[in-house]
């Protein structure tokens, strides 16, 4: 089930952070250990800063990147840099979380799988009955072209049968090598929070809400298949028509 929300950027960021917290608590009631996959990029920073202050079962939460650029660990363009700076470091300073709760991907160019196998084993996540790696809560930021994680329109990875993380060697945005949640992993997520922030995302938000649009042209629509999906668009991104005309407004007055 997909739920649409809109409002000012600050209200949308707060509502998204609260939804992440609530989804983690819900997952924690079903399992002793829960997982949270996060994106990098500008869209997520405000949400992460708010999430630091919310009641979340951090000691029982595994934090991982939804996708990562295949770059050295200390490179400034890695997604993990934002996740660590905006969320994990503040939480570690307060004692709310321990270093072992964070699981960055370490790029191993000398290996055929670039280190994906080591990364997956370190996460030790459960699988669905179909064998797909299960993420309890995934947060995704949609790009201007509708991409999510490192799944871009027209990519052959969109039809991949992989049930774990996928390797991407031809990303249209640098660097070309990346790893990402696979389409199957997104569909199998317990809860997905999808963000459209800024006017540049309006075309993608309109495509997402158009039931005739497929994942091949707008990968964000993969989220529709998740068990529970909450989609947030600020006023700049929200088209205001079609299915978005019925979006719940989250501004606080």
Foldseek 3Di string as FASTA:
>chain_A
DEAEEEAALLLLLLVLLVVQQVLQVVVCVVDVAAEEEEEADDSCLSNQLNNQPDDHQAARYAYEHQKWAQDAPPDPPTRVVSCCVRHVVSCVVVVSHDPLSYQYQGQDVVDPQRRQVVSVVSVPADADPVGAGEHAEYEWEADLQQDTHQQHAQDPLQVDPDRAKDWAQQRPDPPRTMIHGGLNRLLRYQEYEYEYEALSNQVLQVLLLDPVHDCNRRVNVSNVNHPYYYYYYYPNNQPCDRPSVPHHYRDDD
